[in-house]
Amino acid sequence: MIELRNVSKWYGPVQVLDDCSASINKGEVVVVCGPSGSGKSTLIKAINALEPFQKGEITVDGIRLHDPRTDLPKLRSRVGMVFQHFELFPHLSVMQNLTIAQIKVLGRNPDDAKKRGLAMLDRVGLVAHKDKYPGQLSGGQQQRVAIARALSMDPIVMLFDEPTSALDPEMVGEVLDVMVGLAHEGMTMMCVTHEMGFARKVSHRVIFMDVGGKILEDCPKDDFFNNLDARQPRTKDFLNKILSH
């Protein structure tokens, strides 16, 4: 579903992705973790063509992002993206947030868009809030609306960029529950997160990145957490720090 080959990116003289390669198969859940500044968010945004990259190749469901002829907006309409800070339209109701892109980007008629939006709101347990505005919802509810909005577009893959890091601890669970449900339904997912419990419970694979944008590990979840002797020293150090609490 997603193929990264030797992807590198610079901001001026600073390299933020360094020769990154990985493959994500249909139905796989891959967690991307690592310290701040290791390029995790940049990597996931590059897959959605929200961040340009200078070197290498990215292919999503056969669509080549590095090909200048590729219709990037069309690709983005098929890739669900959930951001750290929800990015809902504050002046639109929940229902309008869910239908606007369906109508404008996919060309759906308003009734079908509303039907799909309601089904996805139900999926995240928020139908009762359909007429509210984002500012009237808690952070956890806003993030669940953002997930429902992405799902309304019938995505072939879902990308999550630290979807719980801006939430109060009590709200993290309600968002992760929705993501766990999606994973069990077979949605292809790539998730940048610090939630190691989620990674252990749901992911098939873990990609570990270090400062400078290098992928140091790409291995099955059980190997990552349970076979520390096979991990690189930097990974061991990271895991020892976060798993000891």
C-alpha atoms as a PDB file:
ATOM      1  CA  MET A   1       0.000   0.000   0.000  1.00  0.00           C
ATOM      2  CA  ILE A   2       2.843   2.383   0.890  1.00  0.00           C
ATOM      3  CA  GLU A   3       6.393   2.096  -0.423  1.00  0.00           C
ATOM      4  CA  LEU A   4       9.206   4.410   0.680  1.00  0.00           C
ATOM      5  CA  ARG A   5      12.524   4.134  -1.105  1.00  0.00           C
ATOM      6  CA  ASN A   6      15.609   6.056   0.027  1.00  0.00           C
ATOM      7  CA  VAL A   7      13.606   9.159   0.934  1.00  0.00           C
ATOM      8  CA  SER A   8      15.675  12.161   2.054  1.00  0.00           C
ATOM      9  CA  LYS A   9      14.611  15.692   2.897  1.00  0.00           C
ATOM     10  CA  TRP A  10      16.419  18.867   3.934  1.00  0.00           C
ATOM     11  CA  TYR A  11      15.298  22.168   5.413  1.00  0.00           C
ATOM     12  CA  GLY A  12      18.101  24.303   4.022  1.00  0.00           C
ATOM     13  CA  PRO A  13      21.339  22.739   5.302  1.00  0.00           C
ATOM     14  CA  VAL A  14      19.550  20.614   7.942  1.00  0.00           C
ATOM     15  CA  GLN A  15      18.727  17.042   6.937  1.00  0.00           C
ATOM     16  CA  VAL A  16      15.422  15.908   8.478  1.00  0.00           C
ATOM     17  CA  LEU A  17      14.945  12.602   6.638  1.00  0.00           C
ATOM     18  CA  ASP A  18      17.960  10.445   5.886  1.00  0.00           C
ATOM     19  CA  ASP A  19      17.616   7.676   3.288  1.00  0.00           C
ATOM     20  CA  CYS A  20      14.328   6.289   4.707  1.00  0.00           C
ATOM     21  CA  SER A  21      12.960   3.056   3.237  1.00  0.00           C
ATOM     22  CA  ALA A  22       9.936   1.024   4.375  1.00  0.00           C
ATOM     23  CA  SER A  23       6.971  -0.926   3.013  1.00  0.00           C
ATOM     24  CA  ILE A  24       3.495  -1.009   4.543  1.00  0.00           C
ATOM     25  CA  ASN A  25       1.139  -3.697   3.308  1.00  0.00           C
ATOM     26  CA  LYS A  26      -2.638  -3.466   3.004  1.00  0.00           C
ATOM     27  CA  GLY A  27      -4.259  -3.963   6.405  1.00  0.00           C
ATOM     28  CA  GLU A  28      -1.032  -3.415   8.339  1.00  0.00           C
ATOM     29  CA  VAL A  29      -0.836  -1.142  11.368  1.00  0.00           C
ATOM     30  CA  VAL A  30       2.613   0.429  11.686  1.00  0.00           C
ATOM     31  CA  VAL A  31       3.600   2.636  14.614  1.00  0.00           C
ATOM     32  CA  VAL A  32       6.372   5.198  14.092  1.00  0.00           C
ATOM     33  CA  CYS A  33       8.125   6.234  17.303  1.00  0.00           C
ATOM     34  CA  GLY A  34      11.305   7.922  18.433  1.00  0.00           C
ATOM     35  CA  PRO A  35      12.510  11.075  20.189  1.00  0.00           C
ATOM     36  CA  SER A  36      11.332  14.590  19.310  1.00  0.00           C
ATOM     37  CA  GLY A  37      13.059  15.962  16.244  1.00  0.00           C
ATOM     38  CA  SER A  38      13.656  12.572  14.630  1.00  0.00           C
ATOM     39  CA  GLY A  39      11.541  13.345  11.561  1.00  0.00           C
ATOM     40  CA  LYS A  40       8.505  11.189  12.409  1.00  0.00           C
ATOM     41  CA  SER A  41       5.878  13.821  11.563  1.00  0.00           C
ATOM     42  CA  THR A  42       7.812  14.914   8.482  1.00  0.00           C
ATOM     43  CA  LEU A  43       7.887  11.310   7.241  1.00  0.00           C
ATOM     44  CA  ILE A  44       4.158  10.806   7.654  1.00  0.00           C
ATOM     45  CA  LYS A  45       3.338  14.159   6.029  1.00  0.00           C
ATOM     46  CA  ALA A  46       5.581  13.284   3.076  1.00  0.00           C
ATOM     47  CA  ILE A  47       3.422  10.185   2.478  1.00  0.00           C
ATOM     48  CA  ASN A  48       0.415  12.494   2.070  1.00  0.00           C
ATOM     49  CA  ALA A  49       2.403  14.932  -0.096  1.00  0.00           C
ATOM     50  CA  LEU A  50       1.996  17.634   2.559  1.00  0.00           C
ATOM     51  CA  GLU A  51       5.792  17.831   2.823  1.00  0.00           C
ATOM     52  CA  PRO A  52       7.916  17.786  -0.340  1.00  0.00           C
ATOM     53  CA  PHE A  53      11.026  15.603  -0.312  1.00  0.00           C
ATOM     54  CA  GLN A  54      14.172  16.125  -2.330  1.00  0.00           C
ATOM     55  CA  LYS A  55      15.387  12.593  -2.895  1.00  0.00           C
ATOM     56  CA  GLY A  56      13.934   9.103  -3.206  1.00  0.00           C
ATOM     57  CA  GLU A  57      10.544   7.672  -4.116  1.00  0.00           C
ATOM     58  CA  ILE A  58       7.178   7.330  -2.372  1.00  0.00           C
ATOM     59  CA  THR A  59       4.391   5.234  -3.869  1.00  0.00           C
ATOM     60  CA  VAL A  60       0.903   5.007  -2.321  1.00  0.00           C
ATOM     61  CA  ASP A  61      -1.410   2.352  -3.769  1.00  0.00           C
ATOM     62  CA  GLY A  62       0.505   2.489  -7.053  1.00  0.00           C
ATOM     63  CA  ILE A  63       0.466   6.315  -7.228  1.00  0.00           C
ATOM     64  CA  ARG A  64       3.978   7.748  -7.534  1.00  0.00           C
ATOM     65  CA  LEU A  65       4.334  10.908  -5.439  1.00  0.00           C
ATOM     66  CA  HIS A  66       7.734  11.671  -6.926  1.00  0.00           C
ATOM     67  CA  ASP A  67       6.255  11.834 -10.450  1.00  0.00           C
ATOM     68  CA  PRO A  68       5.609  15.525 -11.304  1.00  0.00           C
ATOM     69  CA  ARG A  69       2.545  14.482 -13.334  1.00  0.00           C
ATOM     70  CA  THR A  70       0.805  12.968 -10.290  1.00  0.00           C
ATOM     71  CA  ASP A  71      -2.430  14.664  -9.234  1.00  0.00           C
ATOM     72  CA  LEU A  72      -1.507  15.253  -5.576  1.00  0.00           C
ATOM     73  CA  PRO A  73      -4.902  16.665  -4.456  1.00  0.00           C
ATOM     74  CA  LYS A  74      -6.565  13.524  -5.850  1.00  0.00           C
ATOM     75  CA  LEU A  75      -4.119  11.358  -3.900  1.00  0.00           C
ATOM     76  CA  ARG A  76      -4.771  13.335  -0.704  1.00  0.00           C
ATOM     77  CA  SER A  77      -8.510  12.761  -1.119  1.00  0.00           C
ATOM     78  CA  ARG A  78      -7.824   9.008  -0.745  1.00  0.00           C
ATOM     79  CA  VAL A  79      -5.431   9.236   2.211  1.00  0.00           C
ATOM     80  CA  GLY A  80      -7.002  10.023   5.587  1.00  0.00           C
ATOM     81  CA  MET A  81      -4.906  12.316   7.764  1.00  0.00           C
ATOM     82  CA  VAL A  82      -5.470  13.043  11.453  1.00  0.00           C
ATOM     83  CA  PHE A  83      -3.348  15.802  12.986  1.00  0.00           C
ATOM     84  CA  GLN A  84      -2.150  16.547  16.500  1.00  0.00           C
ATOM     85  CA  HIS A  85      -4.371  19.625  16.871  1.00  0.00           C
ATOM     86  CA  PHE A  86      -7.566  18.332  15.200  1.00  0.00           C
ATOM     87  CA  GLU A  87      -7.590  21.029  12.451  1.00  0.00           C
ATOM     88  CA  LEU A  88     -11.386  21.232  12.346  1.00  0.00           C
ATOM     89  CA  PHE A  89     -13.061  24.304  10.829  1.00  0.00           C
ATOM     90  CA  PRO A  90     -14.139  26.263  13.945  1.00  0.00           C
ATOM     91  CA  HIS A  91     -16.878  28.204  12.121  1.00  0.00           C
ATOM     92  CA  LEU A  92     -18.585  25.050  10.795  1.00  0.00           C
ATOM     93  CA  SER A  93     -20.754  22.616  12.730  1.00  0.00           C
ATOM     94  CA  VAL A  94     -19.578  19.044  13.269  1.00  0.00           C
ATOM     95  CA  MET A  95     -21.850  17.890  10.438  1.00  0.00           C
ATOM     96  CA  GLN A  96     -20.569  20.587   8.088  1.00  0.00           C
ATOM     97  CA  ASN A  97     -16.986  19.612   8.947  1.00  0.00           C
ATOM     98  CA  LEU A  98     -17.810  16.056   7.883  1.00  0.00           C
ATOM     99  CA  THR A  99     -19.602  16.884   4.640  1.00  0.00           C
ATOM    100  CA  ILE A 100     -17.712  19.819   3.094  1.00  0.00           C
ATOM    101  CA  ALA A 101     -14.810  17.823   1.624  1.00  0.00           C
ATOM    102  CA  GLN A 102     -17.086  14.992   0.513  1.00  0.00           C
ATOM    103  CA  ILE A 103     -19.124  17.485  -1.501  1.00  0.00           C
ATOM    104  CA  LYS A 104     -16.301  19.712  -2.776  1.00  0.00           C
ATOM    105  CA  VAL A 105     -13.568  17.112  -3.334  1.00  0.00           C
ATOM    106  CA  LEU A 106     -15.382  13.830  -4.012  1.00  0.00           C
ATOM    107  CA  GLY A 107     -18.378  15.461  -5.715  1.00  0.00           C
ATOM    108  CA  ARG A 108     -20.917  13.665  -3.528  1.00  0.00           C
ATOM    109  CA  ASN A 109     -24.428  15.058  -3.367  1.00  0.00           C
ATOM    110  CA  PRO A 110     -25.248  16.657   0.012  1.00  0.00           C
ATOM    111  CA  ASP A 111     -27.685  13.923   1.085  1.00  0.00           C
ATOM    112  CA  ASP A 112     -25.172  11.129   0.481  1.00  0.00           C
ATOM    113  CA  ALA A 113     -22.442  13.156   2.173  1.00  0.00           C
ATOM    114  CA  LYS A 114     -24.655  13.660   5.214  1.00  0.00           C
ATOM    115  CA  LYS A 115     -25.541   9.962   5.343  1.00  0.00           C
ATOM    116  CA  ARG A 116     -21.893   8.949   5.204  1.00  0.00           C
ATOM    117  CA  GLY A 117     -20.949  11.618   7.764  1.00  0.00           C
ATOM    118  CA  LEU A 118     -23.640  10.440  10.195  1.00  0.00           C
ATOM    119  CA  ALA A 119     -22.516   6.824   9.812  1.00  0.00           C
ATOM    120  CA  MET A 120     -18.933   7.812  10.654  1.00  0.00           C
ATOM    121  CA  LEU A 121     -20.047  10.008  13.576  1.00  0.00           C
ATOM    122  CA  ASP A 122     -21.935   6.997  14.881  1.00  0.00           C
ATOM    123  CA  ARG A 123     -18.755   4.971  14.401  1.00  0.00           C
ATOM    124  CA  VAL A 124     -16.928   7.289  16.840  1.00  0.00           C
ATOM    125  CA  GLY A 125     -19.917   7.619  19.201  1.00  0.00           C
ATOM    126  CA  LEU A 126     -20.738  11.292  18.591  1.00  0.00           C
ATOM    127  CA  VAL A 127     -24.024  11.441  16.640  1.00  0.00           C
ATOM    128  CA  ALA A 128     -25.636  13.395  19.497  1.00  0.00           C
ATOM    129  CA  HIS A 129     -23.126  16.212  18.900  1.00  0.00           C
ATOM    130  CA  LYS A 130     -23.663  16.604  15.147  1.00  0.00           C
ATOM    131  CA  ASP A 131     -25.056  20.153  15.356  1.00  0.00           C
ATOM    132  CA  LYS A 132     -22.450  21.500  17.784  1.00  0.00           C
ATOM    133  CA  TYR A 133     -19.391  23.530  16.835  1.00  0.00           C
ATOM    134  CA  PRO A 134     -15.829  22.291  17.554  1.00  0.00           C
ATOM    135  CA  GLY A 135     -15.409  24.860  20.355  1.00  0.00           C
ATOM    136  CA  GLN A 136     -18.306  23.242  22.251  1.00  0.00           C
ATOM    137  CA  LEU A 137     -16.568  19.852  22.329  1.00  0.00           C
ATOM    138  CA  SER A 138     -13.782  18.459  24.505  1.00  0.00           C
ATOM    139  CA  GLY A 139     -10.380  17.795  22.939  1.00  0.00           C
ATOM    140  CA  GLY A 140     -11.048  14.065  22.808  1.00  0.00           C
ATOM    141  CA  GLN A 141     -14.393  14.633  21.097  1.00  0.00           C
ATOM    142  CA  GLN A 142     -12.801  17.001  18.572  1.00  0.00           C
ATOM    143  CA  GLN A 143     -10.173  14.423  17.718  1.00  0.00           C
ATOM    144  CA  ARG A 144     -12.846  11.748  17.264  1.00  0.00           C
ATOM    145  CA  VAL A 145     -14.697  14.130  14.911  1.00  0.00           C
ATOM    146  CA  ALA A 146     -11.418  14.599  12.996  1.00  0.00           C
ATOM    147  CA  ILE A 147     -11.129  10.809  12.641  1.00  0.00           C
ATOM    148  CA  ALA A 148     -14.768  10.577  11.504  1.00  0.00           C
ATOM    149  CA  ARG A 149     -14.119  13.351   8.970  1.00  0.00           C
ATOM    150  CA  ALA A 150     -11.146  11.460   7.527  1.00  0.00           C
ATOM    151  CA  LEU A 151     -13.159   8.212   7.377  1.00  0.00           C
ATOM    152  CA  SER A 152     -16.034   9.980   5.580  1.00  0.00           C
ATOM    153  CA  MET A 153     -13.746  10.283   2.558  1.00  0.00           C
ATOM    154  CA  ASP A 154     -13.469   6.459   2.201  1.00  0.00           C
ATOM    155  CA  PRO A 155      -9.675   6.477   2.578  1.00  0.00           C
ATOM    156  CA  ILE A 156      -7.483   3.612   1.425  1.00  0.00           C
ATOM    157  CA  VAL A 157      -5.053   4.351   4.257  1.00  0.00           C
ATOM    158  CA  MET A 158      -5.148   6.384   7.489  1.00  0.00           C
ATOM    159  CA  LEU A 159      -2.196   8.441   8.720  1.00  0.00           C
ATOM    160  CA  PHE A 160      -2.110   9.689  12.321  1.00  0.00           C
ATOM    161  CA  ASP A 161       0.363  12.351  13.431  1.00  0.00           C
ATOM    162  CA  GLU A 162       0.556  12.162  17.245  1.00  0.00           C
ATOM    163  CA  PRO A 163      -3.257  12.103  17.523  1.00  0.00           C
ATOM    164  CA  THR A 164      -3.306  12.019  21.338  1.00  0.00           C
ATOM    165  CA  SER A 165      -0.396  14.270  22.323  1.00  0.00           C
ATOM    166  CA  ALA A 166      -2.522  17.430  22.639  1.00  0.00           C
ATOM    167  CA  LEU A 167      -5.150  15.712  24.804  1.00  0.00           C
ATOM    168  CA  ASP A 168      -5.719  15.564  28.541  1.00  0.00           C
ATOM    169  CA  PRO A 169      -4.728  12.103  29.834  1.00  0.00           C
ATOM    170  CA  GLU A 170      -8.386  11.209  30.517  1.00  0.00           C
ATOM    171  CA  MET A 171      -9.298  11.782  26.882  1.00  0.00           C
ATOM    172  CA  VAL A 172      -6.513   9.712  25.337  1.00  0.00           C
ATOM    173  CA  GLY A 173      -8.364   6.437  25.861  1.00  0.00           C
ATOM    174  CA  GLU A 174     -11.468   7.441  23.926  1.00  0.00           C
ATOM    175  CA  VAL A 175      -9.398   8.336  20.855  1.00  0.00           C
ATOM    176  CA  LEU A 176      -7.232   5.207  21.094  1.00  0.00           C
ATOM    177  CA  ASP A 177     -10.370   3.059  21.400  1.00  0.00           C
ATOM    178  CA  VAL A 178     -11.560   4.354  18.020  1.00  0.00           C
ATOM    179  CA  MET A 179      -8.135   3.652  16.501  1.00  0.00           C
ATOM    180  CA  VAL A 180      -8.068   0.135  17.966  1.00  0.00           C
ATOM    181  CA  GLY A 181     -11.482  -0.493  16.383  1.00  0.00           C
ATOM    182  CA  LEU A 182     -10.208   0.697  13.002  1.00  0.00           C
ATOM    183  CA  ALA A 183      -7.168  -1.547  13.251  1.00  0.00           C
ATOM    184  CA  HIS A 184      -9.353  -4.565  14.023  1.00  0.00           C
ATOM    185  CA  GLU A 185     -11.451  -3.782  10.958  1.00  0.00           C
ATOM    186  CA  GLY A 186      -8.356  -4.083   8.781  1.00  0.00           C
ATOM    187  CA  MET A 187      -7.696  -0.419   7.973  1.00  0.00           C
ATOM    188  CA  THR A 188      -4.148   0.223   6.757  1.00  0.00           C
ATOM    189  CA  MET A 189      -2.723   2.631   9.328  1.00  0.00           C
ATOM    190  CA  MET A 190       0.506   4.466   9.980  1.00  0.00           C
ATOM    191  CA  CYS A 191       0.617   6.198  13.324  1.00  0.00           C
ATOM    192  CA  VAL A 192       3.225   8.508  14.839  1.00  0.00           C
ATOM    193  CA  THR A 193       2.701   8.147  18.582  1.00  0.00           C
ATOM    194  CA  HIS A 194       4.308   8.005  22.005  1.00  0.00           C
ATOM    195  CA  GLU A 195       1.544   5.677  23.248  1.00  0.00           C
ATOM    196  CA  MET A 196       3.536   2.492  23.675  1.00  0.00           C
ATOM    197  CA  GLY A 197       0.523   0.660  25.106  1.00  0.00           C
ATOM    198  CA  PHE A 198      -1.295   1.260  21.830  1.00  0.00           C
ATOM    199  CA  ALA A 199       1.779   0.139  19.871  1.00  0.00           C
ATOM    200  CA  ARG A 200       1.939  -3.091  21.879  1.00  0.00           C
ATOM    201  CA  LYS A 201      -1.767  -3.783  21.600  1.00  0.00           C
ATOM    202  CA  VAL A 202      -2.511  -3.001  17.978  1.00  0.00           C
ATOM    203  CA  SER A 203       0.527  -2.540  15.749  1.00  0.00           C
ATOM    204  CA  HIS A 204       1.981  -5.222  13.526  1.00  0.00           C
ATOM    205  CA  ARG A 205       5.280  -3.420  13.174  1.00  0.00           C
ATOM    206  CA  VAL A 206       7.225  -0.642  14.842  1.00  0.00           C
ATOM    207  CA  ILE A 207       9.500   1.808  13.027  1.00  0.00           C
ATOM    208  CA  PHE A 208      11.942   3.595  15.314  1.00  0.00           C
ATOM    209  CA  MET A 209      13.538   6.836  14.094  1.00  0.00           C
ATOM    210  CA  ASP A 210      16.374   8.783  15.653  1.00  0.00           C
ATOM    211  CA  VAL A 211      17.491  12.410  15.481  1.00  0.00           C
ATOM    212  CA  GLY A 212      18.597  13.255  11.951  1.00  0.00           C
ATOM    213  CA  GLY A 213      15.705  11.394  10.363  1.00  0.00           C
ATOM    214  CA  LYS A 214      17.206   7.911  10.163  1.00  0.00           C
ATOM    215  CA  ILE A 215      15.116   4.748  10.477  1.00  0.00           C
ATOM    216  CA  LEU A 216      17.070   2.667  13.000  1.00  0.00           C
ATOM    217  CA  GLU A 217      14.563  -0.159  13.446  1.00  0.00           C
ATOM    218  CA  ASP A 218      11.738  -1.613  11.393  1.00  0.00           C
ATOM    219  CA  CYS A 219      10.607  -4.857  12.950  1.00  0.00           C
ATOM    220  CA  PRO A 220       7.588  -6.834  14.196  1.00  0.00           C
ATOM    221  CA  LYS A 221       6.084  -5.435  17.392  1.00  0.00           C
ATOM    222  CA  ASP A 222       7.029  -8.473  19.509  1.00  0.00           C
ATOM    223  CA  ASP A 223      10.661  -8.235  18.433  1.00  0.00           C
ATOM    224  CA  PHE A 224      10.735  -4.509  19.186  1.00  0.00           C
ATOM    225  CA  PHE A 225       9.427  -4.804  22.737  1.00  0.00           C
ATOM    226  CA  ASN A 226      10.519  -8.285  23.796  1.00  0.00           C
ATOM    227  CA  ASN A 227      13.833  -8.925  22.057  1.00  0.00           C
ATOM    228  CA  LEU A 228      15.878  -6.022  23.386  1.00  0.00           C
ATOM    229  CA  ASP A 229      19.196  -7.792  22.820  1.00  0.00           C
ATOM    230  CA  ALA A 230      18.628  -7.617  19.060  1.00  0.00           C
ATOM    231  CA  ARG A 231      17.913  -3.876  19.137  1.00  0.00           C
ATOM    232  CA  GLN A 232      20.425  -1.135  18.458  1.00  0.00           C
ATOM    233  CA  PRO A 233      21.939   0.623  21.529  1.00  0.00           C
ATOM    234  CA  ARG A 234      19.997   3.831  20.803  1.00  0.00           C
ATOM    235  CA  THR A 235      16.702   1.898  20.636  1.00  0.00           C
ATOM    236  CA  LYS A 236      17.477   0.060  23.867  1.00  0.00           C
ATOM    237  CA  ASP A 237      18.202   3.361  25.577  1.00  0.00           C
ATOM    238  CA  PHE A 238      14.883   4.814  24.338  1.00  0.00           C
ATOM    239  CA  LEU A 239      12.879   1.758  25.415  1.00  0.00           C
ATOM    240  CA  ASN A 240      14.539   1.541  28.816  1.00  0.00           C
ATOM    241  CA  LYS A 241      13.610   5.160  29.493  1.00  0.00           C
ATOM    242  CA  ILE A 242       9.967   4.896  28.474  1.00  0.00           C
ATOM    243  CA  LEU A 243       9.164   1.367  29.615  1.00  0.00           C
ATOM    244  CA  SER A 244      10.591   1.787  33.105  1.00  0.00           C
ATOM    245  CA  HIS A 245       7.714   4.111  34.071  1.00  0.00           C
END
